[in-house]
Structures are given as C-alpha cells and as structure tokens.
C-alpha cells in the first residue's frame, strides 16, 4: 500500500519581532500529528547608535552640574533604549560690566560692578549711603492766603532741597501779611 500523505490545515507564517519568536508556514497532520513547524528566532533590537537622542534630565546652572541621558532607537520596532548617561559640568558665571547707581537724597546707590548674565551673582557691588537733603538758605514762595474779616492773611514759603528740589514739611514758613 502506498502512503496516503499528510493532511491538515496550513498555519500561516509569523514573522519574528525584536523580542518574540516567529515561525514558518506549517501544517499539522490530522491523521498522525506530524508538524512541519520550525521556530524563527527573535531578531533582537537593531539600535541606531549613529543618531542618538539626547534628553536633558537636569540643566546645569552656573554653580550646579546637570545630567542628560542618551537613547538609541531600534530601527525595527522604533522603541527607545537608554544607552548612556552624560554628566554636564557647571557653566560657571558669565560676568559682564554693569553701571552703578548714584545715591539720591533718600535712596542708597551702588558702585560699578560685574554681574552674571545667567544668575544674580555679583562682584564688586558696594552700597553707597543716601546723600541726605541739602536745604537751601533762601526760601521759595509757595502760596498766599488773603486776609478775611476775622482772620489774618499769610504767605507760605518753603526751603527746597538743592539736590532733589523737594519741599520738606519741617522747612515751611508762614509770614503774616501786613
């Protein structure tokens, strides 16, 4: 008697992935259980290390270091994988010359100095005390109030600050109109 040959359903092939095995197209014989199944091993990831993706974890500052992570993308499944870490050194201060501020009669000033363009660090900035008011010896006319039937009239004078021009309350003077 001649062999009858295997008979059964054909199972389509399954391509392997980076992490999962695949298999060839196969058939399982319904009569004897024979199978032509063959495993096709997983391919593994094919990382594109020529085009890394750098993701900064912490930006460096003038005084603090930072860090970044380097990822590579799989050319087959497009998943990203961490391949390296990078230590980023502190940037250091970026000093530039800055003009000082002259003091006023009531406000502090400061000397010329250097300041960092990235942070609040300064070098050589020294506070200068307010100059105080410099009161004039000569009064300035402010206003006049005319006399009434029951009240005397008067003239208001003030002694201004020679520096800022402000009239200070304690330097006002009233003169009775005669």
C-alpha atoms as a PDB file:
ATOM      1  CA  UNK A   1       0.000   0.000   0.000  1.00  0.00           C
ATOM      2  CA  UNK A   2       1.103   3.435  -0.780  1.00  0.00           C
ATOM      3  CA  UNK A   3       1.451   6.166   1.850  1.00  0.00           C
ATOM      4  CA  UNK A   4      -1.547   8.449   1.956  1.00  0.00           C
ATOM      5  CA  UNK A   5       0.385  11.635   2.698  1.00  0.00           C
ATOM      6  CA  UNK A   6      -0.192  14.114   5.456  1.00  0.00           C
ATOM      7  CA  UNK A   7      -3.413  16.040   5.591  1.00  0.00           C
ATOM      8  CA  UNK A   8      -4.349  19.055   7.719  1.00  0.00           C
ATOM      9  CA  UNK A   9      -4.795  22.792   7.896  1.00  0.00           C
ATOM     10  CA  UNK A  10      -1.928  25.092   6.938  1.00  0.00           C
ATOM     11  CA  UNK A  11      -0.972  27.659   9.560  1.00  0.00           C
ATOM     12  CA  UNK A  12       0.389  30.909   8.043  1.00  0.00           C
ATOM     13  CA  UNK A  13       3.924  32.046   8.823  1.00  0.00           C
ATOM     14  CA  UNK A  14       4.523  34.527  11.643  1.00  0.00           C
ATOM     15  CA  UNK A  15       7.428  36.936  11.264  1.00  0.00           C
ATOM     16  CA  UNK A  16       9.657  37.243  14.332  1.00  0.00           C
ATOM     17  CA  UNK A  17       9.894  40.582  16.132  1.00  0.00           C
ATOM     18  CA  UNK A  18      12.741  42.044  18.135  1.00  0.00           C
ATOM     19  CA  UNK A  19      11.619  40.185  21.249  1.00  0.00           C
ATOM     20  CA  UNK A  20       9.245  37.410  20.086  1.00  0.00           C
ATOM     21  CA  UNK A  21       9.995  34.269  18.098  1.00  0.00           C
ATOM     22  CA  UNK A  22       8.172  33.698  14.829  1.00  0.00           C
ATOM     23  CA  UNK A  23       7.610  30.533  12.795  1.00  0.00           C
ATOM     24  CA  UNK A  24       7.444  29.256   9.245  1.00  0.00           C
ATOM     25  CA  UNK A  25       4.229  28.328   7.460  1.00  0.00           C
ATOM     26  CA  UNK A  26       3.406  24.839   8.700  1.00  0.00           C
ATOM     27  CA  UNK A  27       0.832  22.083   8.762  1.00  0.00           C
ATOM     28  CA  UNK A  28      -0.180  19.616  11.462  1.00  0.00           C
ATOM     29  CA  UNK A  29      -1.346  16.285  10.080  1.00  0.00           C
ATOM     30  CA  UNK A  30      -4.815  15.380  11.327  1.00  0.00           C
ATOM     31  CA  UNK A  31      -4.040  11.673  10.980  1.00  0.00           C
ATOM     32  CA  UNK A  32      -0.672  11.262  12.631  1.00  0.00           C
ATOM     33  CA  UNK A  33       0.074  14.592  14.379  1.00  0.00           C
ATOM     34  CA  UNK A  34       3.174  15.268  12.291  1.00  0.00           C
ATOM     35  CA  UNK A  35       4.094  19.016  12.234  1.00  0.00           C
ATOM     36  CA  UNK A  36       6.406  20.905   9.917  1.00  0.00           C
ATOM     37  CA  UNK A  37       6.668  23.731  12.499  1.00  0.00           C
ATOM     38  CA  UNK A  38      10.053  25.489  12.651  1.00  0.00           C
ATOM     39  CA  UNK A  39      10.880  28.350  15.035  1.00  0.00           C
ATOM     40  CA  UNK A  40      12.335  31.513  13.580  1.00  0.00           C
ATOM     41  CA  UNK A  41      14.233  33.146  16.470  1.00  0.00           C
ATOM     42  CA  UNK A  42      13.511  36.723  17.604  1.00  0.00           C
ATOM     43  CA  UNK A  43      15.725  39.172  15.727  1.00  0.00           C
ATOM     44  CA  UNK A  44      16.807  41.268  18.726  1.00  0.00           C
ATOM     45  CA  UNK A  45      16.874  45.044  18.655  1.00  0.00           C
ATOM     46  CA  UNK A  46      18.813  46.818  15.931  1.00  0.00           C
ATOM     47  CA  UNK A  47      19.810  50.059  17.660  1.00  0.00           C
ATOM     48  CA  UNK A  48      20.605  53.148  15.599  1.00  0.00           C
ATOM     49  CA  UNK A  49      23.555  54.420  17.632  1.00  0.00           C
ATOM     50  CA  UNK A  50      24.665  56.713  14.791  1.00  0.00           C
ATOM     51  CA  UNK A  51      21.753  59.077  15.564  1.00  0.00           C
ATOM     52  CA  UNK A  52      21.468  59.281  19.349  1.00  0.00           C
ATOM     53  CA  UNK A  53      18.639  61.112  21.081  1.00  0.00           C
ATOM     54  CA  UNK A  54      19.865  63.219  23.999  1.00  0.00           C
ATOM     55  CA  UNK A  55      17.348  64.124  26.689  1.00  0.00           C
ATOM     56  CA  UNK A  56      18.426  66.587  29.345  1.00  0.00           C
ATOM     57  CA  UNK A  57      17.408  65.426  32.808  1.00  0.00           C
ATOM     58  CA  UNK A  58      18.706  68.450  34.713  1.00  0.00           C
ATOM     59  CA  UNK A  59      20.069  71.621  33.109  1.00  0.00           C
ATOM     60  CA  UNK A  60      23.386  72.785  34.536  1.00  0.00           C
ATOM     61  CA  UNK A  61      23.497  76.211  36.196  1.00  0.00           C
ATOM     62  CA  UNK A  62      26.418  78.491  36.974  1.00  0.00           C
ATOM     63  CA  UNK A  63      27.289  76.517  40.111  1.00  0.00           C
ATOM     64  CA  UNK A  64      25.413  73.183  39.864  1.00  0.00           C
ATOM     65  CA  UNK A  65      26.149  70.306  37.499  1.00  0.00           C
ATOM     66  CA  UNK A  66      23.487  68.803  35.262  1.00  0.00           C
ATOM     67  CA  UNK A  67      22.857  65.492  33.573  1.00  0.00           C
ATOM     68  CA  UNK A  68      21.498  64.059  30.338  1.00  0.00           C
ATOM     69  CA  UNK A  69      20.529  60.630  29.082  1.00  0.00           C
ATOM     70  CA  UNK A  70      21.429  59.220  25.658  1.00  0.00           C
ATOM     71  CA  UNK A  71      18.898  56.996  23.903  1.00  0.00           C
ATOM     72  CA  UNK A  72      19.102  54.939  20.707  1.00  0.00           C
ATOM     73  CA  UNK A  73      16.061  53.977  18.651  1.00  0.00           C
ATOM     74  CA  UNK A  74      15.535  50.425  17.408  1.00  0.00           C
ATOM     75  CA  UNK A  75      15.334  50.515  13.601  1.00  0.00           C
ATOM     76  CA  UNK A  76      12.842  47.631  13.656  1.00  0.00           C
ATOM     77  CA  UNK A  77      10.313  48.470  16.402  1.00  0.00           C
ATOM     78  CA  UNK A  78      11.178  52.172  16.976  1.00  0.00           C
ATOM     79  CA  UNK A  79      11.372  51.730  20.744  1.00  0.00           C
ATOM     80  CA  UNK A  80      13.937  53.947  22.530  1.00  0.00           C
ATOM     81  CA  UNK A  81      16.601  52.443  24.780  1.00  0.00           C
ATOM     82  CA  UNK A  82      18.856  54.160  27.291  1.00  0.00           C
ATOM     83  CA  UNK A  83      22.449  53.608  26.163  1.00  0.00           C
ATOM     84  CA  UNK A  84      24.453  56.177  28.164  1.00  0.00           C
ATOM     85  CA  UNK A  85      24.312  58.966  30.758  1.00  0.00           C
ATOM     86  CA  UNK A  86      26.199  62.230  30.466  1.00  0.00           C
ATOM     87  CA  UNK A  87      27.465  64.418  33.316  1.00  0.00           C
ATOM     88  CA  UNK A  88      27.181  68.130  32.436  1.00  0.00           C
ATOM     89  CA  UNK A  89      29.690  70.378  34.203  1.00  0.00           C
ATOM     90  CA  UNK A  90      28.513  73.615  35.875  1.00  0.00           C
ATOM     91  CA  UNK A  91      28.537  76.519  33.420  1.00  0.00           C
ATOM     92  CA  UNK A  92      30.464  78.958  35.598  1.00  0.00           C
ATOM     93  CA  UNK A  93      29.487  82.613  35.905  1.00  0.00           C
ATOM     94  CA  UNK A  94      29.329  84.737  32.741  1.00  0.00           C
ATOM     95  CA  UNK A  95      30.326  88.158  34.101  1.00  0.00           C
ATOM     96  CA  UNK A  96      29.625  91.440  32.360  1.00  0.00           C
ATOM     97  CA  UNK A  97      30.350  95.031  33.424  1.00  0.00           C
ATOM     98  CA  UNK A  98      27.366  96.907  34.844  1.00  0.00           C
ATOM     99  CA  UNK A  99      26.937 100.567  35.694  1.00  0.00           C
ATOM    100  CA  UNK A 100      26.429 101.660  39.265  1.00  0.00           C
ATOM    101  CA  UNK A 101      23.599 103.846  40.526  1.00  0.00           C
ATOM    102  CA  UNK A 102      24.156 107.226  42.127  1.00  0.00           C
ATOM    103  CA  UNK A 103      22.519 107.619  45.525  1.00  0.00           C
ATOM    104  CA  UNK A 104      19.736 110.154  45.955  1.00  0.00           C
ATOM    105  CA  UNK A 105      18.888 112.230  48.982  1.00  0.00           C
ATOM    106  CA  UNK A 106      16.864 109.338  50.447  1.00  0.00           C
ATOM    107  CA  UNK A 107      17.829 106.200  48.483  1.00  0.00           C
ATOM    108  CA  UNK A 108      21.021 104.110  48.531  1.00  0.00           C
ATOM    109  CA  UNK A 109      23.123 103.817  45.391  1.00  0.00           C
ATOM    110  CA  UNK A 110      25.916 101.414  44.448  1.00  0.00           C
ATOM    111  CA  UNK A 111      29.251 101.361  42.645  1.00  0.00           C
ATOM    112  CA  UNK A 112      30.006  99.982  39.166  1.00  0.00           C
ATOM    113  CA  UNK A 113      30.290  96.201  39.389  1.00  0.00           C
ATOM    114  CA  UNK A 114      30.220  92.939  37.456  1.00  0.00           C
ATOM    115  CA  UNK A 115      27.145  90.727  37.305  1.00  0.00           C
ATOM    116  CA  UNK A 116      26.434  87.282  35.879  1.00  0.00           C
ATOM    117  CA  UNK A 117      24.213  87.208  32.773  1.00  0.00           C
ATOM    118  CA  UNK A 118      22.549  83.969  33.960  1.00  0.00           C
ATOM    119  CA  UNK A 119      22.047  84.419  37.711  1.00  0.00           C
ATOM    120  CA  UNK A 120      22.092  87.040  40.457  1.00  0.00           C
ATOM    121  CA  UNK A 121      25.810  86.646  41.312  1.00  0.00           C
ATOM    122  CA  UNK A 122      27.700  89.956  41.536  1.00  0.00           C
ATOM    123  CA  UNK A 123      31.302  91.033  42.142  1.00  0.00           C
ATOM    124  CA  UNK A 124      32.427  94.438  43.413  1.00  0.00           C
ATOM    125  CA  UNK A 125      28.992  95.936  44.053  1.00  0.00           C
ATOM    126  CA  UNK A 126      29.281  98.249  47.063  1.00  0.00           C
ATOM    127  CA  UNK A 127      26.391 100.149  48.606  1.00  0.00           C
ATOM    128  CA  UNK A 128      26.597 103.950  48.786  1.00  0.00           C
ATOM    129  CA  UNK A 129      24.624 105.697  51.555  1.00  0.00           C
ATOM    130  CA  UNK A 130      21.951 108.273  50.660  1.00  0.00           C
ATOM    131  CA  UNK A 131      23.377 111.793  50.450  1.00  0.00           C
ATOM    132  CA  UNK A 132      20.683 113.409  52.615  1.00  0.00           C
ATOM    133  CA  UNK A 133      18.881 116.622  51.715  1.00  0.00           C
ATOM    134  CA  UNK A 134      20.843 119.824  51.203  1.00  0.00           C
ATOM    135  CA  UNK A 135      18.416 122.582  52.263  1.00  0.00           C
ATOM    136  CA  UNK A 136      18.611 125.986  50.581  1.00  0.00           C
ATOM    137  CA  UNK A 137      19.305 129.101  52.664  1.00  0.00           C
ATOM    138  CA  UNK A 138      16.804 131.065  50.576  1.00  0.00           C
ATOM    139  CA  UNK A 139      13.058 130.368  50.879  1.00  0.00           C
ATOM    140  CA  UNK A 140      10.837 129.958  47.826  1.00  0.00           C
ATOM    141  CA  UNK A 141       7.330 131.425  47.606  1.00  0.00           C
ATOM    142  CA  UNK A 142       4.664 128.682  47.669  1.00  0.00           C
ATOM    143  CA  UNK A 143       1.265 130.339  48.209  1.00  0.00           C
ATOM    144  CA  UNK A 144      -0.535 133.282  49.818  1.00  0.00           C
ATOM    145  CA  UNK A 145      -3.786 133.334  51.780  1.00  0.00           C
ATOM    146  CA  UNK A 146      -5.637 136.666  51.703  1.00  0.00           C
ATOM    147  CA  UNK A 147      -6.952 138.058  54.980  1.00  0.00           C
ATOM    148  CA  UNK A 148     -10.659 137.863  55.745  1.00  0.00           C
ATOM    149  CA  UNK A 149     -12.802 139.978  58.063  1.00  0.00           C
ATOM    150  CA  UNK A 150     -11.837 137.825  61.018  1.00  0.00           C
ATOM    151  CA  UNK A 151      -8.604 136.120  60.010  1.00  0.00           C
ATOM    152  CA  UNK A 152      -5.210 137.468  59.151  1.00  0.00           C
ATOM    153  CA  UNK A 153      -3.681 136.576  55.806  1.00  0.00           C
ATOM    154  CA  UNK A 154      -0.310 134.951  55.400  1.00  0.00           C
ATOM    155  CA  UNK A 155       2.293 133.876  52.892  1.00  0.00           C
ATOM    156  CA  UNK A 156       3.746 130.355  52.729  1.00  0.00           C
ATOM    157  CA  UNK A 157       7.428 129.942  51.954  1.00  0.00           C
ATOM    158  CA  UNK A 158       9.490 126.767  51.874  1.00  0.00           C
ATOM    159  CA  UNK A 159      13.161 125.948  51.764  1.00  0.00           C
ATOM    160  CA  UNK A 160      13.750 123.378  48.985  1.00  0.00           C
ATOM    161  CA  UNK A 161      16.415 120.715  48.827  1.00  0.00           C
ATOM    162  CA  UNK A 162      19.115 121.932  46.439  1.00  0.00           C
ATOM    163  CA  UNK A 163      19.678 118.365  45.187  1.00  0.00           C
ATOM    164  CA  UNK A 164      16.185 116.985  44.519  1.00  0.00           C
ATOM    165  CA  UNK A 165      14.014 120.085  44.770  1.00  0.00           C
ATOM    166  CA  UNK A 166      11.684 118.518  47.331  1.00  0.00           C
ATOM    167  CA  UNK A 167       9.968 120.815  49.836  1.00  0.00           C
ATOM    168  CA  UNK A 168      10.213 119.250  53.273  1.00  0.00           C
ATOM    169  CA  UNK A 169       7.395 119.900  55.724  1.00  0.00           C
ATOM    170  CA  UNK A 170       9.713 120.940  58.552  1.00  0.00           C
ATOM    171  CA  UNK A 171      11.143 123.697  56.330  1.00  0.00           C
ATOM    172  CA  UNK A 172       7.871 125.557  55.644  1.00  0.00           C
ATOM    173  CA  UNK A 173       7.484 129.124  56.964  1.00  0.00           C
ATOM    174  CA  UNK A 174       4.376 131.263  57.382  1.00  0.00           C
ATOM    175  CA  UNK A 175       4.588 135.052  57.393  1.00  0.00           C
ATOM    176  CA  UNK A 176       1.658 137.201  58.402  1.00  0.00           C
ATOM    177  CA  UNK A 177       0.607 139.611  55.662  1.00  0.00           C
ATOM    178  CA  UNK A 178       0.743 143.149  56.907  1.00  0.00           C
END
